[in-house]
Amino acid sequence: MTPPKRAPGPGGGRPLRADALRNRARILEAAEAVFAAHGTSVSTEEVARQAGVGIGTVFRHFPTKEALLEAVFVARLDRLAAEADALMGAEDPGEAFFAFFTQVVGHAATKNAFTAALAEAGVDVRATTAETGGELKRALGALLRRAQDAGAVRHDIGLPEVLALLVGASGAAERVAGDAAVRERTLGVVLDGLRAPRE
């Protein structure tokens, strides 16, 4: 019987053992929680503490803090793309599209913090997220077309307009982050503008 393949190690080296894979997953999970709660400037030592591993274990998987930030950021985008794909089977295509749009806006503040921290460290964020970002756009485009076919979203816009509105809505949400009611009303205006006119 052929043994199962192991995931490649850092830098494409030897595949990771099962326990190393578990440690890597714990580190990423802890890092995402710590960065979300305390910002991207929090120390790597705090991430190790939250993950229940030694700092050496963190650095074996992620040689620099930037590498850890990058891995968490890409994992978040991967998860968003997977969630969009999962919504393709939703019974109400319009509700699925608007729910995903709202979810992406909700991730904006954290996404922007990661982007700024990586750019400050000299990381080419566009290149780093090219593959995952492409998958996310593909999934969003599929949700859009499905919602338009169902008559829930207006037909005179395409993915470029939706992406532009996402950027604008995300910026607005960040600006009024301290006032949930204003944030909700502002997002509601954007979503109403996307809806197909009633006959």
Protein backbone atom coordinates (compact mmCIF):
# COMPACT_ATOMS: atom_id res chain seq x y z
CA MET A 1 0.00 0.00 0.00
CA THR A 2 1.40 3.41 -1.01
CA PRO A 3 1.82 5.76 1.98
CA PRO A 4 -0.16 9.02 1.81
CA LYS A 5 1.65 12.06 0.48
CA ARG A 6 2.69 14.68 2.98
CA ALA A 7 2.34 18.41 2.51
CA PRO A 8 5.56 20.13 1.40
CA GLY A 9 7.60 21.80 4.07
CA PRO A 10 8.49 25.50 4.25
CA GLY A 11 10.13 26.72 1.06
CA GLY A 12 9.05 23.57 -0.80
CA GLY A 13 11.42 21.34 1.20
CA ARG A 14 10.76 17.90 2.62
CA PRO A 15 7.08 17.13 3.30
CA LEU A 16 5.91 17.90 6.83
CA ARG A 17 5.11 15.09 9.28
CA ALA A 18 1.61 14.90 10.70
CA ASP A 19 2.64 16.48 14.01
CA ALA A 20 4.42 19.31 12.18
CA LEU A 21 1.29 19.92 10.10
CA ARG A 22 -0.77 20.12 13.28
CA ASN A 23 1.69 22.61 14.78
CA ARG A 24 1.58 24.73 11.64
CA ALA A 25 -2.22 24.78 11.68
CA ARG A 26 -2.25 25.72 15.39
CA ILE A 27 0.21 28.55 14.77
CA LEU A 28 -1.84 29.95 11.89
CA GLU A 29 -5.06 29.72 13.89
CA ALA A 30 -3.48 31.43 16.91
CA ALA A 31 -1.83 34.08 14.74
CA GLU A 32 -5.10 34.99 13.05
CA ALA A 33 -6.86 35.33 16.41
CA VAL A 34 -4.03 37.35 17.97
CA PHE A 35 -3.63 39.68 14.98
CA ALA A 36 -7.39 40.25 14.79
CA ALA A 37 -7.62 41.05 18.50
CA HIS A 38 -4.44 43.10 18.97
CA GLY A 39 -3.31 44.21 15.52
CA THR A 40 -0.47 43.10 13.30
CA SER A 41 2.20 44.68 15.50
CA VAL A 42 1.75 42.04 18.21
CA SER A 43 4.88 39.99 18.88
CA THR A 44 5.61 36.57 17.42
CA GLU A 45 6.26 35.40 20.99
CA GLU A 46 2.61 36.13 21.83
CA VAL A 47 1.50 34.06 18.86
CA ALA A 48 3.67 31.17 20.07
CA ARG A 49 2.20 31.48 23.57
CA GLN A 50 -1.36 31.42 22.26
CA ALA A 51 -0.57 28.44 20.02
CA GLY A 52 1.01 26.54 22.92
CA VAL A 53 4.31 26.03 21.13
CA GLY A 54 7.84 27.33 21.55
CA ILE A 55 9.06 30.32 19.59
CA GLY A 56 11.53 28.02 17.81
CA THR A 57 8.61 26.00 16.44
CA VAL A 58 7.05 29.16 15.04
CA PHE A 59 10.29 30.15 13.32
CA ARG A 60 10.77 26.66 11.87
CA HIS A 61 7.51 27.12 9.98
CA PHE A 62 7.68 30.87 9.45
CA PRO A 63 11.26 32.23 9.46
CA THR A 64 10.07 35.85 9.76
CA LYS A 65 7.05 37.63 11.12
CA GLU A 66 6.31 38.82 7.59
CA ALA A 67 6.17 35.18 6.44
CA LEU A 68 3.65 34.46 9.18
CA LEU A 69 1.54 37.54 8.30
CA GLU A 70 1.62 36.53 4.65
CA ALA A 71 0.51 32.95 5.41
CA VAL A 72 -2.37 34.15 7.60
CA PHE A 73 -3.47 36.68 4.98
CA VAL A 74 -3.43 34.15 2.14
CA ALA A 75 -5.28 31.62 4.30
CA ARG A 76 -8.02 34.20 4.97
CA LEU A 77 -8.42 34.85 1.24
CA ASP A 78 -8.46 31.11 0.53
CA ARG A 79 -11.22 30.69 3.09
CA LEU A 80 -13.27 33.52 1.58
CA ALA A 81 -12.98 31.97 -1.89
CA ALA A 82 -14.06 28.58 -0.51
CA GLU A 83 -17.04 30.17 1.24
CA ALA A 84 -18.06 31.87 -2.01
CA ASP A 85 -17.86 28.52 -3.80
CA ALA A 86 -19.99 26.93 -1.09
CA LEU A 87 -22.66 29.62 -1.60
CA MET A 88 -23.02 28.57 -5.23
CA GLY A 89 -25.40 25.88 -4.05
CA ALA A 90 -27.58 28.28 -2.05
CA GLU A 91 -31.30 28.12 -2.74
CA ASP A 92 -31.57 31.93 -3.01
CA PRO A 93 -28.83 33.25 -5.33
CA GLY A 94 -29.59 36.87 -4.50
CA GLU A 95 -29.37 36.35 -0.78
CA ALA A 96 -26.12 34.41 -1.26
CA PHE A 97 -24.54 37.24 -3.28
CA PHE A 98 -25.56 39.99 -0.85
CA ALA A 99 -24.50 37.93 2.17
CA PHE A 100 -21.07 37.37 0.65
CA PHE A 101 -20.70 41.04 -0.29
CA THR A 102 -21.51 41.96 3.31
CA GLN A 103 -19.05 39.38 4.62
CA VAL A 104 -16.20 40.74 2.48
CA VAL A 105 -16.90 44.27 3.71
CA GLY A 106 -16.80 42.93 7.27
CA HIS A 107 -13.27 41.62 6.64
CA ALA A 108 -12.06 44.95 5.26
CA ALA A 109 -10.40 46.42 8.34
CA THR A 110 -8.37 43.30 9.04
CA LYS A 111 -7.49 42.87 5.36
CA ASN A 112 -6.26 46.45 5.12
CA ALA A 113 -4.17 46.05 8.27
CA PHE A 114 -2.48 42.96 6.84
CA THR A 115 -1.92 44.67 3.49
CA ALA A 116 -0.35 47.72 5.14
CA ALA A 117 1.92 45.64 7.38
CA LEU A 118 3.13 43.49 4.50
CA ALA A 119 3.69 46.48 2.20
CA GLU A 120 5.64 48.23 4.96
CA ALA A 121 7.85 45.15 5.23
CA GLY A 122 8.55 45.31 1.50
CA VAL A 123 6.32 42.39 0.51
CA ASP A 124 4.73 42.60 -2.95
CA VAL A 125 1.17 42.00 -1.76
CA ARG A 126 -0.28 41.92 -5.27
CA ALA A 127 2.13 39.18 -6.35
CA THR A 128 1.73 37.25 -3.09
CA THR A 129 -2.05 37.11 -3.38
CA ALA A 130 -2.32 36.86 -7.18
CA GLU A 131 -3.42 33.22 -7.29
CA THR A 132 -5.76 33.37 -4.29
CA GLY A 133 -7.11 36.76 -5.32
CA GLY A 134 -7.86 35.39 -8.75
CA GLU A 135 -9.81 32.51 -7.23
CA LEU A 136 -11.76 34.94 -5.07
CA LYS A 137 -12.66 37.12 -8.06
CA ARG A 138 -13.71 34.05 -10.04
CA ALA A 139 -15.99 32.88 -7.22
CA LEU A 140 -17.46 36.36 -6.73
CA GLY A 141 -18.12 36.65 -10.46
CA ALA A 142 -19.95 33.33 -10.43
CA LEU A 143 -22.11 34.46 -7.49
CA LEU A 144 -22.87 37.70 -9.33
CA ARG A 145 -23.95 35.97 -12.54
CA ARG A 146 -26.12 33.54 -10.62
CA ALA A 147 -27.81 36.39 -8.73
CA GLN A 148 -28.37 38.29 -11.99
CA ASP A 149 -29.86 35.23 -13.67
CA ALA A 150 -32.27 34.97 -10.73
CA GLY A 151 -33.31 38.60 -11.20
CA ALA A 152 -31.94 39.73 -7.85
CA VAL A 153 -29.06 41.92 -9.08
CA ARG A 154 -29.22 44.49 -11.87
CA HIS A 155 -27.83 43.39 -15.23
CA ASP A 156 -26.05 46.62 -16.19
CA ILE A 157 -23.06 46.00 -13.90
CA GLY A 158 -20.23 43.53 -14.06
CA LEU A 159 -17.50 42.25 -11.80
CA PRO A 160 -15.32 45.41 -12.17
CA GLU A 161 -18.15 47.56 -10.81
CA VAL A 162 -18.82 45.13 -7.97
CA LEU A 163 -15.14 45.14 -7.01
CA ALA A 164 -15.08 48.95 -7.06
CA LEU A 165 -18.17 49.06 -4.85
CA LEU A 166 -16.57 46.57 -2.47
CA VAL A 167 -13.55 48.86 -2.10
CA GLY A 168 -15.78 51.88 -1.51
CA ALA A 169 -18.12 50.11 0.90
CA SER A 170 -15.15 48.69 2.81
CA GLY A 171 -13.61 52.15 3.18
CA ALA A 172 -16.91 53.57 4.38
CA ALA A 173 -17.33 50.73 6.87
CA GLU A 174 -13.87 51.43 8.30
CA ARG A 175 -14.57 55.15 8.56
CA VAL A 176 -17.73 54.64 10.63
CA ALA A 177 -16.53 51.51 12.45
CA GLY A 178 -17.45 53.04 15.81
CA ASP A 179 -21.11 53.48 14.87
CA ALA A 180 -22.70 50.16 13.93
CA ALA A 181 -26.03 51.75 12.97
CA VAL A 182 -24.43 54.17 10.50
CA ARG A 183 -22.26 51.37 9.13
CA GLU A 184 -25.30 49.15 8.57
CA ARG A 185 -27.30 51.92 6.88
CA THR A 186 -24.38 52.86 4.64
CA LEU A 187 -23.92 49.27 3.51
CA GLY A 188 -27.68 49.03 2.97
CA VAL A 189 -27.56 51.94 0.52
CA VAL A 190 -24.82 50.21 -1.48
CA LEU A 191 -26.71 46.91 -1.55
CA ASP A 192 -29.92 48.66 -2.60
CA GLY A 193 -28.03 50.18 -5.51
CA LEU A 194 -27.05 46.69 -6.67
CA ARG A 195 -30.55 45.27 -6.55
CA ALA A 196 -32.53 44.78 -9.74
CA PRO A 197 -35.39 47.29 -10.08
CA ARG A 198 -38.80 45.96 -9.19
CA GLU A 199 -41.19 45.63 -12.08
